[in-house]
N, C-alpha and C. Protein backbone atom coordinates (compact mmCIF):
# COMPACT_ATOMS: atom_id res chain seq x y z
N MET A 1 -39.04 5.68 -50.36
CA MET A 1 -38.45 4.59 -49.61
C MET A 1 -37.14 5.01 -48.96
N PHE A 2 -36.32 5.77 -49.75
CA PHE A 2 -35.03 6.23 -49.23
C PHE A 2 -35.23 7.15 -48.03
N PHE A 3 -36.18 8.07 -48.13
CA PHE A 3 -36.43 9.01 -47.02
C PHE A 3 -36.97 8.29 -45.79
N GLN A 4 -37.76 7.28 -46.00
CA GLN A 4 -38.30 6.53 -44.87
C GLN A 4 -37.19 5.80 -44.11
N ARG A 5 -36.25 5.19 -44.84
CA ARG A 5 -35.12 4.52 -44.19
C ARG A 5 -34.24 5.52 -43.43
N THR A 6 -34.00 6.67 -44.02
CA THR A 6 -33.17 7.69 -43.39
C THR A 6 -33.81 8.19 -42.11
N ALA A 7 -35.11 8.41 -42.13
CA ALA A 7 -35.82 8.88 -40.94
C ALA A 7 -35.77 7.83 -39.83
N ILE A 8 -35.92 6.57 -40.18
CA ILE A 8 -35.87 5.50 -39.18
C ILE A 8 -34.46 5.39 -38.60
N ALA A 9 -33.42 5.48 -39.43
CA ALA A 9 -32.03 5.40 -38.96
C ALA A 9 -31.70 6.56 -38.02
N LEU A 10 -32.15 7.76 -38.37
CA LEU A 10 -31.89 8.93 -37.52
C LEU A 10 -32.63 8.82 -36.19
N SER A 11 -33.85 8.28 -36.22
CA SER A 11 -34.59 8.15 -34.97
C SER A 11 -33.94 7.12 -34.03
N ARG A 12 -33.30 6.10 -34.59
CA ARG A 12 -32.60 5.13 -33.77
C ARG A 12 -31.38 5.73 -33.09
N ARG A 13 -30.70 6.68 -33.77
CA ARG A 13 -29.48 7.29 -33.22
C ARG A 13 -29.80 8.39 -32.20
N ALA A 14 -30.94 8.98 -32.29
CA ALA A 14 -31.28 10.08 -31.38
C ALA A 14 -31.54 9.54 -29.98
N PRO A 15 -31.00 10.19 -28.95
CA PRO A 15 -31.24 9.72 -27.59
C PRO A 15 -32.69 9.94 -27.17
N VAL A 16 -33.23 8.97 -26.48
CA VAL A 16 -34.60 9.06 -26.00
C VAL A 16 -34.54 9.46 -24.54
N ARG A 17 -35.19 10.54 -24.16
CA ARG A 17 -35.20 11.00 -22.77
C ARG A 17 -36.63 11.01 -22.24
N ALA A 18 -36.77 10.55 -21.04
CA ALA A 18 -38.08 10.64 -20.39
C ALA A 18 -38.28 12.07 -19.91
N LEU A 19 -39.50 12.46 -19.70
CA LEU A 19 -39.79 13.83 -19.32
C LEU A 19 -39.34 14.16 -17.90
N SER A 20 -39.36 13.22 -17.00
CA SER A 20 -39.04 13.51 -15.60
C SER A 20 -37.74 12.84 -15.15
N VAL A 21 -36.74 12.75 -16.03
CA VAL A 21 -35.49 12.11 -15.66
C VAL A 21 -34.59 13.13 -14.97
N ARG A 22 -34.04 12.73 -13.84
CA ARG A 22 -33.14 13.60 -13.09
C ARG A 22 -31.71 13.18 -13.42
N PRO A 23 -30.78 14.12 -13.61
CA PRO A 23 -29.40 13.73 -13.92
C PRO A 23 -28.80 12.88 -12.81
N PHE A 24 -27.95 11.97 -13.20
CA PHE A 24 -27.30 11.06 -12.26
C PHE A 24 -26.50 11.81 -11.20
N SER A 25 -25.81 12.88 -11.61
CA SER A 25 -24.97 13.63 -10.68
C SER A 25 -25.79 14.27 -9.56
N SER A 26 -26.97 14.78 -9.87
CA SER A 26 -27.79 15.39 -8.82
C SER A 26 -28.36 14.33 -7.89
N SER A 27 -28.54 13.11 -8.39
CA SER A 27 -29.00 12.02 -7.52
C SER A 27 -27.95 11.71 -6.47
N ILE A 28 -26.68 11.71 -6.88
CA ILE A 28 -25.59 11.43 -5.93
C ILE A 28 -25.51 12.54 -4.89
N VAL A 29 -25.61 13.77 -5.33
CA VAL A 29 -25.53 14.89 -4.39
C VAL A 29 -26.64 14.81 -3.36
N ARG A 30 -27.85 14.50 -3.81
CA ARG A 30 -28.98 14.41 -2.87
C ARG A 30 -28.82 13.23 -1.93
N ALA A 31 -28.27 12.11 -2.44
CA ALA A 31 -28.11 10.93 -1.58
C ALA A 31 -27.03 11.15 -0.53
N ASN A 32 -26.00 11.92 -0.87
CA ASN A 32 -24.89 12.14 0.05
C ASN A 32 -25.00 13.46 0.82
N ALA A 33 -26.06 14.18 0.66
CA ALA A 33 -26.18 15.50 1.28
C ALA A 33 -26.06 15.45 2.79
N ASN A 34 -26.61 14.45 3.42
CA ASN A 34 -26.57 14.37 4.88
C ASN A 34 -25.32 13.66 5.39
N LYS A 35 -24.55 13.03 4.49
CA LYS A 35 -23.39 12.26 4.91
C LYS A 35 -22.23 13.15 5.35
N TYR A 36 -22.04 14.30 4.70
CA TYR A 36 -20.90 15.15 4.97
C TYR A 36 -21.32 16.45 5.63
N LYS A 37 -20.49 16.89 6.57
CA LYS A 37 -20.73 18.17 7.22
C LYS A 37 -20.00 19.23 6.39
N VAL A 38 -20.72 20.16 5.85
CA VAL A 38 -20.13 21.19 5.01
C VAL A 38 -20.19 22.51 5.77
N GLU A 39 -19.21 23.38 5.48
CA GLU A 39 -19.17 24.68 6.14
C GLU A 39 -20.48 25.44 5.92
N LYS A 40 -20.82 26.25 6.88
CA LYS A 40 -21.98 27.11 6.70
C LYS A 40 -21.64 28.13 5.63
N GLU A 41 -22.63 28.48 4.83
CA GLU A 41 -22.39 29.38 3.71
C GLU A 41 -21.83 30.71 4.19
N GLY A 42 -20.70 31.10 3.59
CA GLY A 42 -20.10 32.38 3.92
C GLY A 42 -19.18 32.35 5.12
N LYS A 43 -19.10 31.23 5.84
CA LYS A 43 -18.23 31.14 7.01
C LYS A 43 -17.17 30.09 6.78
N ILE A 44 -15.96 30.37 7.28
CA ILE A 44 -14.85 29.44 7.19
C ILE A 44 -14.60 28.89 8.58
N ILE A 45 -14.45 27.56 8.68
CA ILE A 45 -14.19 26.95 9.97
C ILE A 45 -12.81 27.38 10.43
N PRO A 46 -12.66 27.88 11.66
CA PRO A 46 -11.33 28.25 12.16
C PRO A 46 -10.40 27.04 12.19
N PHE A 47 -9.11 27.31 12.04
CA PHE A 47 -8.10 26.26 11.96
C PHE A 47 -8.15 25.32 13.16
N ASP A 48 -8.30 25.87 14.36
CA ASP A 48 -8.28 25.02 15.56
C ASP A 48 -9.56 24.21 15.75
N GLU A 49 -10.61 24.47 14.95
CA GLU A 49 -11.84 23.68 15.04
C GLU A 49 -11.87 22.52 14.05
N ILE A 50 -10.86 22.39 13.19
CA ILE A 50 -10.79 21.30 12.22
C ILE A 50 -10.33 20.05 12.96
N LYS A 51 -11.18 19.04 12.98
CA LYS A 51 -10.89 17.80 13.72
C LYS A 51 -10.82 16.58 12.81
N THR A 52 -11.64 16.52 11.76
CA THR A 52 -11.69 15.35 10.89
C THR A 52 -11.57 15.78 9.44
N GLU A 53 -11.45 14.81 8.55
CA GLU A 53 -11.37 15.09 7.12
C GLU A 53 -12.67 15.72 6.60
N ASP A 54 -13.79 15.39 7.23
CA ASP A 54 -15.07 15.97 6.80
C ASP A 54 -15.10 17.47 7.02
N ASP A 55 -14.29 17.99 7.95
CA ASP A 55 -14.23 19.43 8.18
C ASP A 55 -13.51 20.15 7.05
N LEU A 56 -12.86 19.39 6.17
CA LEU A 56 -12.11 19.99 5.07
C LEU A 56 -12.85 19.91 3.75
N LEU A 57 -14.17 19.71 3.81
CA LEU A 57 -14.98 19.72 2.59
C LEU A 57 -15.49 21.13 2.36
N PRO A 58 -15.36 21.64 1.13
CA PRO A 58 -15.76 23.02 0.84
C PRO A 58 -17.25 23.14 0.56
N PRO A 59 -17.76 24.38 0.61
CA PRO A 59 -19.17 24.58 0.29
C PRO A 59 -19.45 24.47 -1.20
N GLY A 60 -18.45 24.69 -2.06
CA GLY A 60 -18.64 24.68 -3.50
C GLY A 60 -19.14 26.03 -3.98
N ALA A 61 -19.10 26.23 -5.27
CA ALA A 61 -19.52 27.51 -5.86
C ALA A 61 -21.02 27.51 -6.09
N LYS A 62 -21.59 28.68 -6.14
CA LYS A 62 -23.00 28.80 -6.48
C LYS A 62 -23.18 28.43 -7.96
N PRO A 63 -24.31 27.87 -8.30
CA PRO A 63 -24.53 27.47 -9.70
C PRO A 63 -24.35 28.67 -10.64
N GLY A 64 -23.65 28.42 -11.75
CA GLY A 64 -23.44 29.45 -12.74
C GLY A 64 -22.23 30.33 -12.49
N THR A 65 -21.46 30.05 -11.42
CA THR A 65 -20.26 30.84 -11.14
C THR A 65 -19.02 29.96 -11.21
N VAL A 66 -17.88 30.60 -11.36
CA VAL A 66 -16.62 29.88 -11.38
C VAL A 66 -16.11 29.81 -9.95
N PRO A 67 -15.79 28.60 -9.44
CA PRO A 67 -15.37 28.48 -8.04
C PRO A 67 -13.97 29.04 -7.80
N THR A 68 -13.78 29.62 -6.64
CA THR A 68 -12.46 30.07 -6.22
C THR A 68 -11.75 28.91 -5.55
N ASP A 69 -10.46 29.09 -5.25
CA ASP A 69 -9.72 28.03 -4.57
C ASP A 69 -10.36 27.72 -3.22
N LEU A 70 -10.81 28.74 -2.52
CA LEU A 70 -11.41 28.53 -1.22
C LEU A 70 -12.73 27.77 -1.30
N GLU A 71 -13.45 27.93 -2.41
CA GLU A 71 -14.73 27.25 -2.57
C GLU A 71 -14.60 25.81 -3.04
N GLN A 72 -13.44 25.44 -3.63
CA GLN A 72 -13.34 24.09 -4.18
C GLN A 72 -12.20 23.25 -3.62
N ALA A 73 -11.22 23.85 -2.93
CA ALA A 73 -10.08 23.09 -2.41
C ALA A 73 -10.53 22.14 -1.30
N THR A 74 -9.95 20.95 -1.28
CA THR A 74 -10.27 19.95 -0.25
C THR A 74 -8.99 19.41 0.34
N GLY A 75 -9.10 18.65 1.42
CA GLY A 75 -7.98 17.93 2.00
C GLY A 75 -6.86 18.83 2.48
N LEU A 76 -5.62 18.40 2.22
CA LEU A 76 -4.45 19.14 2.69
C LEU A 76 -4.37 20.53 2.07
N GLU A 77 -4.80 20.66 0.81
CA GLU A 77 -4.78 21.99 0.18
C GLU A 77 -5.70 22.94 0.93
N ARG A 78 -6.88 22.49 1.32
CA ARG A 78 -7.81 23.33 2.07
C ARG A 78 -7.25 23.65 3.45
N LEU A 79 -6.64 22.67 4.11
CA LEU A 79 -6.04 22.90 5.41
C LEU A 79 -4.95 23.96 5.32
N GLU A 80 -4.13 23.90 4.27
CA GLU A 80 -3.08 24.90 4.07
C GLU A 80 -3.68 26.29 3.82
N LEU A 81 -4.72 26.38 2.99
CA LEU A 81 -5.36 27.67 2.71
C LEU A 81 -5.96 28.29 3.97
N ILE A 82 -6.68 27.48 4.74
CA ILE A 82 -7.30 28.00 5.97
C ILE A 82 -6.22 28.43 6.96
N GLY A 83 -5.15 27.64 7.05
CA GLY A 83 -4.05 28.00 7.93
C GLY A 83 -3.40 29.32 7.52
N LYS A 84 -3.13 29.49 6.22
CA LYS A 84 -2.51 30.73 5.74
C LYS A 84 -3.40 31.93 5.99
N MET A 85 -4.71 31.75 5.85
CA MET A 85 -5.64 32.87 6.09
C MET A 85 -5.61 33.30 7.55
N GLN A 86 -5.23 32.39 8.44
CA GLN A 86 -5.20 32.71 9.86
C GLN A 86 -3.77 32.86 10.38
N GLY A 87 -2.79 32.96 9.43
CA GLY A 87 -1.41 33.22 9.82
C GLY A 87 -0.64 32.00 10.32
N ILE A 88 -1.09 30.80 9.97
CA ILE A 88 -0.43 29.57 10.43
C ILE A 88 0.20 28.88 9.22
N ASP A 89 1.50 28.65 9.28
CA ASP A 89 2.21 27.94 8.20
C ASP A 89 2.28 26.47 8.60
N ILE A 90 1.29 25.67 8.19
CA ILE A 90 1.20 24.30 8.68
C ILE A 90 2.31 23.40 8.15
N PHE A 91 2.92 23.73 7.02
CA PHE A 91 3.97 22.89 6.47
C PHE A 91 5.37 23.40 6.83
N ASP A 92 5.48 24.47 7.60
CA ASP A 92 6.75 25.03 8.05
C ASP A 92 7.73 25.13 6.89
N MET A 93 7.44 26.04 5.96
CA MET A 93 8.22 26.17 4.74
C MET A 93 9.43 27.09 4.88
N ARG A 94 9.81 27.41 6.11
CA ARG A 94 10.99 28.26 6.29
C ARG A 94 12.24 27.50 5.85
N PRO A 95 13.25 28.22 5.33
CA PRO A 95 14.48 27.53 4.96
C PRO A 95 15.23 27.03 6.19
N LEU A 96 16.07 26.02 6.00
CA LEU A 96 16.86 25.49 7.10
C LEU A 96 17.91 26.52 7.54
N ASP A 97 18.43 26.33 8.73
CA ASP A 97 19.45 27.21 9.28
C ASP A 97 20.72 27.13 8.43
N ALA A 98 21.09 28.24 7.78
CA ALA A 98 22.30 28.29 6.95
C ALA A 98 23.36 29.20 7.55
N SER A 99 23.16 29.61 8.81
CA SER A 99 24.11 30.51 9.45
C SER A 99 25.32 29.77 10.00
N ARG A 100 25.28 28.45 10.00
CA ARG A 100 26.37 27.65 10.54
C ARG A 100 26.42 26.32 9.81
N LYS A 101 27.52 25.61 10.02
CA LYS A 101 27.67 24.29 9.43
C LYS A 101 27.31 23.25 10.49
N GLY A 102 26.43 22.32 10.15
CA GLY A 102 26.04 21.29 11.10
C GLY A 102 27.17 20.30 11.35
N THR A 103 27.30 19.87 12.59
CA THR A 103 28.30 18.88 12.96
C THR A 103 27.59 17.68 13.60
N LEU A 104 28.32 16.63 13.87
CA LEU A 104 27.71 15.47 14.51
C LEU A 104 27.21 15.82 15.91
N ASP A 105 27.93 16.71 16.62
CA ASP A 105 27.51 17.12 17.96
C ASP A 105 26.40 18.15 17.93
N ASN A 106 26.34 18.98 16.87
CA ASN A 106 25.36 20.05 16.77
C ASN A 106 24.82 20.11 15.34
N PRO A 107 23.98 19.14 14.93
CA PRO A 107 23.51 19.08 13.54
C PRO A 107 22.41 20.12 13.25
N ILE A 108 22.19 20.36 11.96
CA ILE A 108 21.07 21.18 11.51
C ILE A 108 19.82 20.32 11.64
N ILE A 109 18.80 20.81 12.34
CA ILE A 109 17.59 20.04 12.61
C ILE A 109 16.59 20.19 11.46
N VAL A 110 16.08 19.07 10.99
CA VAL A 110 15.06 19.02 9.93
C VAL A 110 13.83 18.37 10.53
N ASN A 111 12.71 19.11 10.61
CA ASN A 111 11.47 18.54 11.13
C ASN A 111 10.78 17.73 10.03
N GLY A 112 10.20 16.60 10.40
CA GLY A 112 9.49 15.77 9.44
C GLY A 112 8.43 14.93 10.13
N ALA A 113 7.27 14.81 9.49
CA ALA A 113 6.17 14.03 10.05
C ALA A 113 6.09 12.64 9.42
N GLY A 114 6.87 12.39 8.38
CA GLY A 114 6.84 11.10 7.71
C GLY A 114 8.04 10.25 8.11
N ASP A 115 8.09 9.05 7.56
CA ASP A 115 9.19 8.15 7.86
C ASP A 115 10.50 8.62 7.23
N GLU A 116 10.39 9.45 6.20
CA GLU A 116 11.57 9.89 5.48
C GLU A 116 11.42 11.36 5.11
N GLN A 117 12.52 12.11 5.12
CA GLN A 117 12.48 13.53 4.80
C GLN A 117 13.71 13.86 3.96
N TYR A 118 13.54 14.75 2.99
CA TYR A 118 14.65 15.19 2.14
C TYR A 118 15.06 16.59 2.55
N ALA A 119 16.37 16.84 2.59
CA ALA A 119 16.90 18.16 2.91
C ALA A 119 17.93 18.51 1.85
N GLY A 120 17.85 19.73 1.34
CA GLY A 120 18.79 20.18 0.32
C GLY A 120 19.94 20.95 0.97
N CYS A 121 21.18 20.54 0.70
CA CYS A 121 22.35 21.23 1.24
C CYS A 121 23.00 22.00 0.10
N THR A 122 23.21 23.31 0.30
CA THR A 122 23.90 24.14 -0.69
C THR A 122 25.28 24.53 -0.19
N GLY A 123 25.73 23.93 0.90
CA GLY A 123 27.08 24.15 1.39
C GLY A 123 27.15 25.20 2.47
N PHE A 124 28.37 25.35 3.01
CA PHE A 124 28.63 26.42 3.97
C PHE A 124 29.93 27.09 3.57
N PRO A 125 29.93 28.39 3.34
CA PRO A 125 28.81 29.32 3.41
C PRO A 125 27.74 28.98 2.36
N ALA A 126 26.54 29.49 2.57
CA ALA A 126 25.39 29.16 1.72
C ALA A 126 25.72 29.40 0.24
N ASP A 127 25.22 28.53 -0.59
CA ASP A 127 25.39 28.56 -2.04
C ASP A 127 26.84 28.37 -2.48
N SER A 128 27.62 27.63 -1.72
CA SER A 128 29.01 27.36 -2.12
C SER A 128 29.14 26.13 -3.02
N HIS A 129 28.09 25.36 -3.14
CA HIS A 129 28.07 24.25 -4.11
C HIS A 129 26.63 24.02 -4.56
N GLN A 130 26.47 23.17 -5.59
CA GLN A 130 25.14 22.83 -6.09
C GLN A 130 24.35 22.10 -5.00
N VAL A 131 23.05 22.05 -5.16
CA VAL A 131 22.21 21.40 -4.15
C VAL A 131 22.48 19.90 -4.14
N ASN A 132 22.81 19.39 -2.98
CA ASN A 132 22.91 17.94 -2.74
C ASN A 132 21.73 17.56 -1.86
N TRP A 133 20.94 16.60 -2.32
CA TRP A 133 19.76 16.18 -1.57
C TRP A 133 20.16 15.07 -0.60
N LEU A 134 19.91 15.32 0.67
CA LEU A 134 20.22 14.35 1.72
C LEU A 134 18.91 13.73 2.19
N THR A 135 18.92 12.42 2.42
CA THR A 135 17.74 11.71 2.88
C THR A 135 17.95 11.29 4.33
N VAL A 136 17.10 11.80 5.21
CA VAL A 136 17.13 11.37 6.61
C VAL A 136 15.84 10.60 6.87
N SER A 137 15.92 9.60 7.74
CA SER A 137 14.74 8.79 8.03
C SER A 137 14.70 8.48 9.51
N ARG A 138 13.62 7.86 9.95
CA ARG A 138 13.49 7.50 11.36
C ARG A 138 14.55 6.48 11.75
N GLU A 139 14.88 5.57 10.85
CA GLU A 139 15.90 4.56 11.14
C GLU A 139 17.31 5.14 11.05
N ARG A 140 17.49 6.16 10.21
CA ARG A 140 18.81 6.77 10.00
C ARG A 140 18.65 8.28 10.06
N PRO A 141 18.54 8.84 11.27
CA PRO A 141 18.21 10.26 11.41
C PRO A 141 19.34 11.23 11.07
N LEU A 142 20.60 10.80 11.09
CA LEU A 142 21.73 11.68 10.76
C LEU A 142 22.21 11.42 9.34
N GLU A 143 22.55 12.49 8.63
CA GLU A 143 23.11 12.35 7.29
C GLU A 143 24.09 13.49 7.07
N ARG A 144 25.18 13.19 6.38
CA ARG A 144 26.23 14.17 6.13
C ARG A 144 26.36 14.43 4.64
N CYS A 145 26.50 15.71 4.28
CA CYS A 145 26.70 16.10 2.88
C CYS A 145 28.09 15.63 2.46
N ASN A 146 28.19 14.96 1.31
CA ASN A 146 29.47 14.41 0.88
C ASN A 146 30.37 15.47 0.25
N GLU A 147 29.87 16.69 0.07
CA GLU A 147 30.70 17.72 -0.53
C GLU A 147 31.27 18.70 0.49
N CYS A 148 30.46 19.14 1.45
CA CYS A 148 30.94 20.13 2.42
C CYS A 148 31.00 19.59 3.84
N GLY A 149 30.42 18.42 4.10
CA GLY A 149 30.47 17.83 5.43
C GLY A 149 29.38 18.31 6.37
N ASN A 150 28.43 19.10 5.89
CA ASN A 150 27.32 19.60 6.71
C ASN A 150 26.48 18.41 7.18
N VAL A 151 26.10 18.40 8.45
CA VAL A 151 25.33 17.29 9.02
C VAL A 151 23.91 17.76 9.34
N VAL A 152 22.91 16.99 8.90
CA VAL A 152 21.51 17.28 9.21
C VAL A 152 20.94 16.11 10.00
N LYS A 153 19.94 16.41 10.83
CA LYS A 153 19.32 15.38 11.67
C LYS A 153 17.81 15.52 11.61
N LEU A 154 17.11 14.39 11.48
CA LEU A 154 15.65 14.39 11.46
C LEU A 154 15.10 14.52 12.87
N ASN A 155 14.19 15.46 13.05
CA ASN A 155 13.42 15.58 14.29
C ASN A 155 12.01 15.13 13.94
N TYR A 156 11.67 13.89 14.27
CA TYR A 156 10.37 13.32 13.91
C TYR A 156 9.27 13.93 14.77
N ILE A 157 8.27 14.54 14.10
CA ILE A 157 7.17 15.19 14.81
C ILE A 157 5.82 14.56 14.45
N GLY A 158 5.84 13.39 13.81
CA GLY A 158 4.61 12.73 13.38
C GLY A 158 3.99 11.90 14.49
N PRO A 159 2.98 11.09 14.13
CA PRO A 159 2.31 10.25 15.13
C PRO A 159 3.24 9.18 15.66
N LEU A 160 3.04 8.83 16.92
CA LEU A 160 3.91 7.84 17.55
C LEU A 160 3.67 6.43 17.02
N GLU A 161 2.42 6.08 16.74
CA GLU A 161 2.13 4.75 16.22
C GLU A 161 2.09 4.83 14.70
N ASP A 162 2.49 3.74 14.06
CA ASP A 162 2.53 3.67 12.61
C ASP A 162 1.18 3.16 12.11
N PRO A 163 0.44 3.97 11.32
CA PRO A 163 -0.86 3.51 10.83
C PRO A 163 -0.75 2.39 9.80
N HIS A 164 0.44 2.20 9.23
CA HIS A 164 0.63 1.16 8.23
C HIS A 164 1.17 -0.13 8.82
N ALA A 165 1.42 -0.14 10.12
CA ALA A 165 1.94 -1.36 10.76
C ALA A 165 0.85 -2.43 10.76
N HIS A 166 1.27 -3.66 10.55
CA HIS A 166 0.33 -4.78 10.52
C HIS A 166 0.54 -5.65 11.76
N ASP A 167 -0.56 -6.15 12.27
CA ASP A 167 -0.42 -7.08 13.39
C ASP A 167 -0.34 -8.50 12.85
N ASP A 168 0.00 -9.44 13.70
CA ASP A 168 0.16 -10.83 13.28
C ASP A 168 -1.07 -11.67 13.63
N HIS A 169 -2.24 -11.11 13.58
CA HIS A 169 -3.48 -11.83 13.90
C HIS A 169 -4.16 -12.28 12.62
N GLY A 170 -3.51 -13.19 11.91
CA GLY A 170 -4.13 -13.73 10.70
C GLY A 170 -3.93 -12.87 9.48
N HIS A 171 -3.08 -11.85 9.55
CA HIS A 171 -2.87 -10.99 8.39
C HIS A 171 -1.47 -11.20 7.82
N GLY A 172 -1.02 -12.44 7.80
CA GLY A 172 0.32 -12.75 7.35
C GLY A 172 0.56 -12.42 5.88
N ASP A 173 -0.50 -12.46 5.05
CA ASP A 173 -0.31 -12.20 3.64
C ASP A 173 -0.06 -10.72 3.36
N HIS A 174 -0.35 -9.83 4.30
CA HIS A 174 -0.13 -8.40 4.11
C HIS A 174 1.19 -7.94 4.72
N HIS A 175 1.92 -8.85 5.35
CA HIS A 175 3.14 -8.48 6.05
C HIS A 175 4.27 -8.28 5.05
N HIS A 176 4.97 -7.16 5.15
CA HIS A 176 6.08 -6.86 4.26
C HIS A 176 7.39 -7.21 4.95
N PRO A 177 8.39 -7.65 4.20
CA PRO A 177 9.69 -7.91 4.83
C PRO A 177 10.31 -6.60 5.30
N PRO A 178 11.12 -6.65 6.35
CA PRO A 178 11.72 -5.41 6.84
C PRO A 178 12.66 -4.81 5.80
N HIS A 179 12.73 -3.48 5.78
CA HIS A 179 13.58 -2.79 4.83
C HIS A 179 15.04 -2.92 5.24
N GLU A 180 15.89 -3.26 4.30
CA GLU A 180 17.32 -3.34 4.58
C GLU A 180 18.03 -2.26 3.77
N GLU A 181 18.94 -1.54 4.43
CA GLU A 181 19.73 -0.53 3.73
C GLU A 181 20.61 -1.24 2.71
N PRO A 182 20.77 -0.67 1.51
CA PRO A 182 21.65 -1.30 0.53
C PRO A 182 23.11 -1.21 0.98
N LYS A 183 23.89 -2.20 0.61
CA LYS A 183 25.31 -2.23 0.96
C LYS A 183 26.05 -1.18 0.14
N THR A 184 26.97 -0.47 0.80
CA THR A 184 27.83 0.50 0.13
C THR A 184 29.28 0.14 0.46
N PHE A 185 30.20 0.88 -0.13
CA PHE A 185 31.61 0.64 0.12
C PHE A 185 31.94 0.83 1.60
N ALA A 186 31.21 1.73 2.28
CA ALA A 186 31.47 2.00 3.69
C ALA A 186 31.22 0.78 4.56
N ASP A 187 30.39 -0.17 4.10
CA ASP A 187 30.11 -1.37 4.88
C ASP A 187 31.32 -2.31 4.93
N TYR A 188 32.28 -2.11 4.03
CA TYR A 188 33.43 -3.01 3.96
C TYR A 188 34.71 -2.38 4.51
N VAL A 189 34.62 -1.17 5.07
CA VAL A 189 35.78 -0.51 5.65
C VAL A 189 36.06 -1.12 7.02
N LYS A 190 37.33 -1.32 7.32
CA LYS A 190 37.72 -1.91 8.60
C LYS A 190 37.25 -1.01 9.75
N PRO A 191 36.80 -1.59 10.87
CA PRO A 191 36.30 -0.78 11.99
C PRO A 191 37.31 0.24 12.52
N GLU A 192 38.60 -0.05 12.44
CA GLU A 192 39.58 0.91 12.97
C GLU A 192 39.67 2.17 12.11
N TYR A 193 39.11 2.14 10.89
CA TYR A 193 39.11 3.33 10.03
C TYR A 193 37.80 4.11 10.11
N TRP A 194 36.85 3.64 10.88
CA TRP A 194 35.56 4.34 10.98
C TRP A 194 35.74 5.72 11.61
N TYR A 195 34.89 6.63 11.16
CA TYR A 195 34.91 7.98 11.73
C TYR A 195 34.27 7.97 13.09
N ARG A 196 34.90 8.57 14.07
CA ARG A 196 34.33 8.60 15.41
C ARG A 196 34.19 10.02 15.85
């Protein structure tokens, strides 16, 4: 009796599989196979032929192998890898100009594609103080380092229209209030003391 109960309990816990069951993951791959354009095997799409996000989908590794970065990277990482392979630095990772001190008339230019960009100032001459992070934005493109007086300016190179902007055609619940800069001590200084 004891053995019979044990056998029944074990059979209830054991997974039951049908003979012709296909794994769920392979069903998804087969269903989406025609949806995405994937690189031809062994060929990398040239940087200037990349037009949409679908062009940044990798071929994947062959079954039973470990994928390389080139076989599995997607999105911006894949765009950066393809660019580097063809000698293009898409994120422009060169250091800022440290041969001079930026002024209001001749600031150090910082390229940025977003609404806001951070620039690290190490002083003039270079490395004369710890890194001070300066925030420049489209609304406030000039910023001055409070330790050495170096001035940086945002050069916006992104899209002209804002993809996050909302229209007023019945979408009032998605509308955000405009951003206001926080008040600082400088807001209370008399105009005759302002720096010109």
